[in-house]
All heavy atoms as atom14 arrays in JSON, in Angstrom:
{
  "sequence": "YSTAFGRIWLSVVFVFRVLVYVVAAERVWGDEQKDF",
  "atom14_mask": [
    [1, 1, 1, 1, 1, 1, 1, 1, 1, 1, 1, 1, 0, 0],
    [1, 1, 1, 1, 1, 1, 0, 0, 0, 0, 0, 0, 0, 0],
    [1, 1, 1, 1, 1, 1, 1, 0, 0, 0, 0, 0, 0, 0],
    [1, 1, 1, 1, 1, 0, 0, 0, 0, 0, 0, 0, 0, 0],
    [1, 1, 1, 1, 1, 1, 1, 1, 1, 1, 1, 0, 0, 0],
    [1, 1, 1, 1, 0, 0, 0, 0, 0, 0, 0, 0, 0, 0],
    [1, 1, 1, 1, 1, 1, 1, 1, 1, 1, 1, 0, 0, 0],
    [1, 1, 1, 1, 1, 1, 1, 1, 0, 0, 0, 0, 0, 0],
    [1, 1, 1, 1, 1, 1, 1, 1, 1, 1, 1, 1, 1, 1],
    [1, 1, 1, 1, 1, 1, 1, 1, 0, 0, 0, 0, 0, 0],
    [1, 1, 1, 1, 1, 1, 0, 0, 0, 0, 0, 0, 0, 0],
    [1, 1, 1, 1, 1, 1, 1, 0, 0, 0, 0, 0, 0, 0],
    [1, 1, 1, 1, 1, 1, 1, 0, 0, 0, 0, 0, 0, 0],
    [1, 1, 1, 1, 1, 1, 1, 1, 1, 1, 1, 0, 0, 0],
    [1, 1, 1, 1, 1, 1, 1, 0, 0, 0, 0, 0, 0, 0],
    [1, 1, 1, 1, 1, 1, 1, 1, 1, 1, 1, 0, 0, 0],
    [1, 1, 1, 1, 1, 1, 1, 1, 1, 1, 1, 0, 0, 0],
    [1, 1, 1, 1, 1, 1, 1, 0, 0, 0, 0, 0, 0, 0],
    [1, 1, 1, 1, 1, 1, 1, 1, 0, 0, 0, 0, 0, 0],
    [1, 1, 1, 1, 1, 1, 1, 0, 0, 0, 0, 0, 0, 0],
    [1, 1, 1, 1, 1, 1, 1, 1, 1, 1, 1, 1, 0, 0],
    [1, 1, 1, 1, 1, 1, 1, 0, 0, 0, 0, 0, 0, 0],
    [1, 1, 1, 1, 1, 1, 1, 0, 0, 0, 0, 0, 0, 0],
    [1, 1, 1, 1, 1, 0, 0, 0, 0, 0, 0, 0, 0, 0],
    [1, 1, 1, 1, 1, 0, 0, 0, 0, 0, 0, 0, 0, 0],
    [1, 1, 1, 1, 1, 1, 1, 1, 1, 0, 0, 0, 0, 0],
    [1, 1, 1, 1, 1, 1, 1, 1, 1, 1, 1, 0, 0, 0],
    [1, 1, 1, 1, 1, 1, 1, 0, 0, 0, 0, 0, 0, 0],
    [1, 1, 1, 1, 1, 1, 1, 1, 1, 1, 1, 1, 1, 1],
    [1, 1, 1, 1, 0, 0, 0, 0, 0, 0, 0, 0, 0, 0],
    [1, 1, 1, 1, 1, 1, 1, 1, 0, 0, 0, 0, 0, 0],
    [1, 1, 1, 1, 1, 1, 1, 1, 1, 0, 0, 0, 0, 0],
    [1, 1, 1, 1, 1, 1, 1, 1, 1, 0, 0, 0, 0, 0],
    [1, 1, 1, 1, 1, 1, 1, 1, 1, 0, 0, 0, 0, 0],
    [1, 1, 1, 1, 1, 1, 1, 1, 0, 0, 0, 0, 0, 0],
    [1, 1, 1, 1, 1, 1, 1, 1, 1, 1, 1, 0, 0, 0]
  ],
  "atom14_positions": [
    [[0.84, -1.26, 0.0], [-0.01, -0.03, -0.02], [0.86, 1.27, 0.01], [0.33, 2.36, 0.08], [-0.96, 0.03, 1.2], [-1.59, -1.3, 1.47], [-1.21, -1.98, 2.71], [-2.49, -1.94, 0.56], [-1.82, -3.22, 2.94], [-2.95, -3.16, 0.9], [-2.67, -3.85, 2.03], [-3.24, -5.1, 2.34], [0.0, 0.0, 0.0], [0.0, 0.0, 0.0]],
    [[2.14, 1.09, -0.05], [2.99, 2.3, 0.04], [3.38, 2.81, -1.35], [3.35, 2.21, -2.37], [4.37, 1.86, 0.76], [4.12, 1.53, 2.03], [0.0, 0.0, 0.0], [0.0, 0.0, 0.0], [0.0, 0.0, 0.0], [0.0, 0.0, 0.0], [0.0, 0.0, 0.0], [0.0, 0.0, 0.0], [0.0, 0.0, 0.0], [0.0, 0.0, 0.0]],
    [[3.76, 4.09, -1.39], [4.36, 4.71, -2.61], [5.88, 4.33, -2.75], [6.37, 3.42, -1.94], [4.24, 6.21, -2.51], [5.07, 6.62, -1.47], [2.89, 6.66, -2.26], [0.0, 0.0, 0.0], [0.0, 0.0, 0.0], [0.0, 0.0, 0.0], [0.0, 0.0, 0.0], [0.0, 0.0, 0.0], [0.0, 0.0, 0.0], [0.0, 0.0, 0.0]],
    [[6.47, 4.67, -3.76], [7.91, 4.38, -4.05], [8.71, 4.95, -2.87], [9.7, 4.34, -2.39], [8.42, 4.99, -5.36], [0.0, 0.0, 0.0], [0.0, 0.0, 0.0], [0.0, 0.0, 0.0], [0.0, 0.0, 0.0], [0.0, 0.0, 0.0], [0.0, 0.0, 0.0], [0.0, 0.0, 0.0], [0.0, 0.0, 0.0], [0.0, 0.0, 0.0]],
    [[8.4, 6.19, -2.37], [9.1, 6.7, -1.18], [8.95, 5.89, -0.01], [9.92, 5.64, 0.78], [8.71, 8.18, -0.93], [9.0, 9.21, -2.02], [8.01, 9.58, -2.97], [10.36, 9.56, -2.07], [8.4, 10.52, -3.95], [10.7, 10.49, -3.02], [9.73, 10.9, -3.96], [0.0, 0.0, 0.0], [0.0, 0.0, 0.0], [0.0, 0.0, 0.0]],
    [[7.78, 5.32, 0.22], [7.54, 4.48, 1.26], [8.29, 3.16, 1.33], [8.73, 2.68, 2.35], [0.0, 0.0, 0.0], [0.0, 0.0, 0.0], [0.0, 0.0, 0.0], [0.0, 0.0, 0.0], [0.0, 0.0, 0.0], [0.0, 0.0, 0.0], [0.0, 0.0, 0.0], [0.0, 0.0, 0.0], [0.0, 0.0, 0.0], [0.0, 0.0, 0.0]],
    [[8.42, 2.62, 0.18], [9.22, 1.31, 0.02], [10.61, 1.62, 0.36], [11.32, 0.72, 0.86], [8.93, 0.75, -1.37], [7.43, 0.32, -1.66], [7.43, -0.39, -2.96], [6.04, -0.75, -3.26], [5.19, -0.09, -4.02], [5.64, 1.07, -4.57], [3.91, -0.5, -4.21], [0.0, 0.0, 0.0], [0.0, 0.0, 0.0], [0.0, 0.0, 0.0]],
    [[11.15, 2.71, -0.18], [12.61, 3.07, 0.0], [12.87, 3.28, 1.51], [13.75, 2.94, 2.15], [12.98, 4.3, -0.83], [13.01, 3.98, -2.27], [14.43, 4.77, -0.46], [13.12, 5.23, -3.1], [0.0, 0.0, 0.0], [0.0, 0.0, 0.0], [0.0, 0.0, 0.0], [0.0, 0.0, 0.0], [0.0, 0.0, 0.0], [0.0, 0.0, 0.0]],
    [[11.79, 4.0, 2.15], [11.91, 4.27, 3.55], [12.02, 2.96, 4.43], [12.83, 2.76, 5.31], [10.71, 5.11, 4.06], [10.65, 5.39, 5.55], [11.24, 6.41, 6.16], [10.05, 4.67, 6.58], [11.09, 6.4, 7.47], [10.3, 5.26, 7.74], [9.31, 3.43, 6.56], [9.84, 4.82, 9.01], [8.83, 2.9, 7.75], [9.13, 3.65, 8.97]],
    [[11.17, 2.05, 4.03], [11.08, 0.73, 4.78], [12.43, 0.01, 4.56], [12.96, -0.7, 5.49], [9.88, -0.14, 4.39], [9.49, -1.23, 5.25], [9.19, -0.84, 6.67], [8.36, -2.02, 4.66], [0.0, 0.0, 0.0], [0.0, 0.0, 0.0], [0.0, 0.0, 0.0], [0.0, 0.0, 0.0], [0.0, 0.0, 0.0], [0.0, 0.0, 0.0]],
    [[12.95, -0.01, 3.36], [14.23, -0.64, 3.09], [15.39, -0.04, 3.96], [16.21, -0.78, 4.5], [14.56, -0.56, 1.59], [13.54, -1.22, 0.85], [0.0, 0.0, 0.0], [0.0, 0.0, 0.0], [0.0, 0.0, 0.0], [0.0, 0.0, 0.0], [0.0, 0.0, 0.0], [0.0, 0.0, 0.0], [0.0, 0.0, 0.0], [0.0, 0.0, 0.0]],
    [[15.39, 1.28, 3.98], [16.34, 2.03, 4.76], [16.33, 1.78, 6.18], [17.28, 1.51, 6.82], [16.36, 3.57, 4.46], [17.23, 4.3, 5.45], [16.67, 3.87, 3.06], [0.0, 0.0, 0.0], [0.0, 0.0, 0.0], [0.0, 0.0, 0.0], [0.0, 0.0, 0.0], [0.0, 0.0, 0.0], [0.0, 0.0, 0.0], [0.0, 0.0, 0.0]],
    [[15.09, 1.61, 6.73], [14.89, 1.29, 8.19], [15.53, -0.09, 8.53], [16.17, -0.18, 9.53], [13.46, 1.47, 8.58], [13.19, 0.87, 9.87], [12.97, 2.93, 8.51], [0.0, 0.0, 0.0], [0.0, 0.0, 0.0], [0.0, 0.0, 0.0], [0.0, 0.0, 0.0], [0.0, 0.0, 0.0], [0.0, 0.0, 0.0], [0.0, 0.0, 0.0]],
    [[15.23, -1.08, 7.71], [15.53, -2.37, 8.05], [16.96, -2.71, 7.71], [17.62, -3.51, 8.25], [14.53, -3.49, 7.46], [13.3, -3.54, 8.2], [12.13, -3.01, 7.75], [13.31, -4.21, 9.43], [10.93, -3.03, 8.5], [12.13, -4.34, 10.11], [10.98, -3.78, 9.63], [0.0, 0.0, 0.0], [0.0, 0.0, 0.0], [0.0, 0.0, 0.0]],
    [[17.47, -2.19, 6.57], [18.86, -2.39, 6.22], [19.91, -1.64, 6.95], [20.92, -2.05, 7.41], [18.96, -2.19, 4.65], [20.54, -2.38, 4.27], [18.14, -3.24, 3.94], [0.0, 0.0, 0.0], [0.0, 0.0, 0.0], [0.0, 0.0, 0.0], [0.0, 0.0, 0.0], [0.0, 0.0, 0.0], [0.0, 0.0, 0.0], [0.0, 0.0, 0.0]],
    [[19.68, -0.29, 7.06], [20.77, 0.7, 7.54], [20.44, 0.96, 9.01], [21.28, 1.71, 9.58], [20.67, 1.98, 6.69], [21.25, 1.75, 5.3], [20.32, 1.63, 4.22], [22.59, 1.6, 5.04], [20.85, 1.41, 3.01], [23.02, 1.29, 3.75], [22.18, 1.33, 2.76], [0.0, 0.0, 0.0], [0.0, 0.0, 0.0], [0.0, 0.0, 0.0]],
    [[19.31, 0.65, 9.55], [19.09, 0.98, 10.98], [18.82, -0.32, 11.84], [19.65, -0.47, 12.84], [17.84, 1.9, 11.09], [18.05, 3.17, 10.35], [16.79, 4.1, 10.38], [16.61, 4.68, 11.79], [15.69, 5.56, 11.91], [14.92, 5.97, 11.0], [15.57, 6.04, 13.22], [0.0, 0.0, 0.0], [0.0, 0.0, 0.0], [0.0, 0.0, 0.0]],
    [[17.89, -1.16, 11.45], [17.66, -2.27, 12.18], [18.85, -3.28, 12.17], [19.33, -3.88, 13.11], [16.33, -2.95, 11.86], [16.15, -4.36, 12.63], [15.19, -2.07, 12.15], [0.0, 0.0, 0.0], [0.0, 0.0, 0.0], [0.0, 0.0, 0.0], [0.0, 0.0, 0.0], [0.0, 0.0, 0.0], [0.0, 0.0, 0.0], [0.0, 0.0, 0.0]],
    [[19.23, -3.51, 10.95], [20.42, -4.55, 10.71], [21.68, -3.98, 11.3], [22.34, -4.8, 12.0], [20.58, -4.73, 9.27], [21.58, -5.87, 8.79], [20.9, -7.26, 9.31], [21.66, -6.0, 7.31], [0.0, 0.0, 0.0], [0.0, 0.0, 0.0], [0.0, 0.0, 0.0], [0.0, 0.0, 0.0], [0.0, 0.0, 0.0], [0.0, 0.0, 0.0]],
    [[21.99, -2.74, 11.15], [23.24, -2.14, 11.84], [23.15, -2.26, 13.35], [24.08, -2.58, 14.09], [23.49, -0.78, 11.36], [24.62, -0.11, 12.2], [23.9, -0.83, 9.86], [0.0, 0.0, 0.0], [0.0, 0.0, 0.0], [0.0, 0.0, 0.0], [0.0, 0.0, 0.0], [0.0, 0.0, 0.0], [0.0, 0.0, 0.0], [0.0, 0.0, 0.0]],
    [[21.94, -2.03, 13.8], [21.65, -1.99, 15.29], [21.87, -3.47, 15.85], [22.55, -3.55, 16.89], [20.19, -1.5, 15.52], [19.77, -1.63, 16.99], [19.95, -0.61, 17.92], [19.2, -2.85, 17.46], [19.5, -0.8, 19.22], [18.71, -2.93, 18.77], [18.95, -1.92, 19.64], [18.6, -2.07, 20.99], [0.0, 0.0, 0.0], [0.0, 0.0, 0.0]],
    [[21.32, -4.37, 15.19], [21.38, -5.75, 15.66], [22.75, -6.4, 15.57], [23.19, -7.01, 16.41], [20.3, -6.66, 14.97], [20.54, -8.1, 15.36], [18.9, -6.18, 15.29], [0.0, 0.0, 0.0], [0.0, 0.0, 0.0], [0.0, 0.0, 0.0], [0.0, 0.0, 0.0], [0.0, 0.0, 0.0], [0.0, 0.0, 0.0], [0.0, 0.0, 0.0]],
    [[23.35, -6.16, 14.38], [24.67, -6.86, 14.1], [25.8, -6.2, 14.81], [26.7, -6.84, 15.38], [24.88, -6.77, 12.57], [26.24, -7.36, 12.21], [23.9, -7.6, 11.82], [0.0, 0.0, 0.0], [0.0, 0.0, 0.0], [0.0, 0.0, 0.0], [0.0, 0.0, 0.0], [0.0, 0.0, 0.0], [0.0, 0.0, 0.0], [0.0, 0.0, 0.0]],
    [[25.9, -4.81, 14.85], [27.05, -4.19, 15.37], [26.84, -3.27, 16.5], [27.6, -3.28, 17.53], [27.64, -3.34, 14.18], [0.0, 0.0, 0.0], [0.0, 0.0, 0.0], [0.0, 0.0, 0.0], [0.0, 0.0, 0.0], [0.0, 0.0, 0.0], [0.0, 0.0, 0.0], [0.0, 0.0, 0.0], [0.0, 0.0, 0.0], [0.0, 0.0, 0.0]],
    [[25.76, -2.4, 16.55], [25.74, -1.42, 17.56], [25.55, -2.06, 18.98], [26.0, -1.59, 19.96], [24.45, -0.47, 17.22], [0.0, 0.0, 0.0], [0.0, 0.0, 0.0], [0.0, 0.0, 0.0], [0.0, 0.0, 0.0], [0.0, 0.0, 0.0], [0.0, 0.0, 0.0], [0.0, 0.0, 0.0], [0.0, 0.0, 0.0], [0.0, 0.0, 0.0]],
    [[24.77, -3.06, 19.07], [24.53, -3.73, 20.42], [25.73, -4.21, 20.91], [26.06, -4.1, 22.12], [23.5, -4.83, 20.24], [21.99, -4.38, 20.14], [21.05, -5.59, 20.2], [21.33, -6.54, 19.6], [20.06, -5.51, 20.92], [0.0, 0.0, 0.0], [0.0, 0.0, 0.0], [0.0, 0.0, 0.0], [0.0, 0.0, 0.0], [0.0, 0.0, 0.0]],
    [[26.67, -4.71, 20.09], [27.99, -5.23, 20.7], [28.92, -4.12, 21.03], [29.62, -4.23, 21.99], [28.59, -6.06, 19.59], [27.76, -7.29, 19.15], [28.51, -8.16, 18.12], [27.75, -9.3, 17.84], [28.16, -10.25, 16.83], [29.28, -10.08, 16.18], [27.32, -11.25, 16.57], [0.0, 0.0, 0.0], [0.0, 0.0, 0.0], [0.0, 0.0, 0.0]],
    [[28.89, -3.02, 20.39], [29.7, -1.85, 20.75], [29.22, -1.24, 22.08], [30.14, -1.0, 22.92], [29.57, -0.76, 19.65], [30.39, 0.51, 20.09], [30.14, -1.32, 18.27], [0.0, 0.0, 0.0], [0.0, 0.0, 0.0], [0.0, 0.0, 0.0], [0.0, 0.0, 0.0], [0.0, 0.0, 0.0], [0.0, 0.0, 0.0], [0.0, 0.0, 0.0]],
    [[28.07, -1.24, 22.37], [27.53, -0.69, 23.68], [27.31, -1.74, 24.73], [26.97, -1.58, 25.78], [26.29, 0.11, 23.43], [26.41, 1.48, 23.23], [26.29, 2.49, 24.19], [26.62, 2.2, 22.04], [26.54, 3.69, 23.77], [26.65, 3.55, 22.31], [26.84, 1.76, 20.75], [26.93, 4.5, 21.42], [26.99, 2.75, 19.74], [27.02, 4.03, 20.01]],
    [[27.75, -2.99, 24.53], [27.58, -4.06, 25.41], [28.35, -3.93, 26.64], [27.95, -4.3, 27.71], [0.0, 0.0, 0.0], [0.0, 0.0, 0.0], [0.0, 0.0, 0.0], [0.0, 0.0, 0.0], [0.0, 0.0, 0.0], [0.0, 0.0, 0.0], [0.0, 0.0, 0.0], [0.0, 0.0, 0.0], [0.0, 0.0, 0.0], [0.0, 0.0, 0.0]],
    [[29.61, -3.31, 26.49], [30.46, -3.15, 27.72], [30.44, -1.76, 28.25], [31.41, -1.24, 28.89], [31.97, -3.5, 27.28], [32.46, -2.65, 26.16], [31.58, -1.85, 25.65], [33.6, -2.72, 25.84], [0.0, 0.0, 0.0], [0.0, 0.0, 0.0], [0.0, 0.0, 0.0], [0.0, 0.0, 0.0], [0.0, 0.0, 0.0], [0.0, 0.0, 0.0]],
    [[29.34, -1.09, 28.05], [29.28, 0.26, 28.29], [29.51, 0.67, 29.78], [30.41, 1.37, 30.07], [27.86, 0.8, 27.9], [27.7, 2.32, 27.91], [26.35, 2.71, 27.37], [25.47, 1.9, 27.15], [26.23, 3.9, 27.18], [0.0, 0.0, 0.0], [0.0, 0.0, 0.0], [0.0, 0.0, 0.0], [0.0, 0.0, 0.0], [0.0, 0.0, 0.0]],
    [[28.9, 0.03, 30.71], [28.97, 0.38, 32.08], [30.18, -0.25, 32.73], [30.83, 0.26, 33.58], [27.74, -0.02, 32.91], [27.76, 0.52, 34.23], [26.37, 0.35, 35.0], [25.4, -0.13, 34.43], [26.27, 0.85, 36.19], [0.0, 0.0, 0.0], [0.0, 0.0, 0.0], [0.0, 0.0, 0.0], [0.0, 0.0, 0.0], [0.0, 0.0, 0.0]],
    [[30.49, -1.51, 32.32], [31.52, -2.29, 32.92], [32.93, -1.62, 32.62], [33.76, -1.59, 33.52], [31.59, -3.76, 32.37], [32.65, -4.6, 32.88], [32.57, -5.96, 32.17], [32.97, -5.99, 30.84], [32.98, -7.31, 30.21], [0.0, 0.0, 0.0], [0.0, 0.0, 0.0], [0.0, 0.0, 0.0], [0.0, 0.0, 0.0], [0.0, 0.0, 0.0]],
    [[33.14, -1.04, 31.5], [34.42, -0.38, 31.14], [34.35, 1.16, 31.28], [35.15, 1.83, 30.67], [34.76, -0.7, 29.68], [35.06, -2.25, 29.58], [35.36, -2.88, 30.65], [35.07, -2.77, 28.43], [0.0, 0.0, 0.0], [0.0, 0.0, 0.0], [0.0, 0.0, 0.0], [0.0, 0.0, 0.0], [0.0, 0.0, 0.0], [0.0, 0.0, 0.0]],
    [[33.38, 1.7, 32.08], [33.3, 3.1, 32.33], [34.23, 3.28, 33.65], [33.81, 3.13, 34.81], [31.95, 3.51, 32.77], [31.78, 4.93, 32.76], [31.6, 5.78, 31.65], [31.5, 5.49, 34.08], [31.47, 7.1, 31.92], [31.28, 6.84, 34.25], [31.23, 7.7, 33.08], [0.0, 0.0, 0.0], [0.0, 0.0, 0.0], [0.0, 0.0, 0.0]]
  ]
}
């Protein structure tokens, strides 16, 4: 039901935000308080 902009938005959210968050960002912040 989305327009072309909506399809691009959803792809950006899951590829460049959710995927980066799950694969890399969570690990970078995993030792946040321990190594403070």
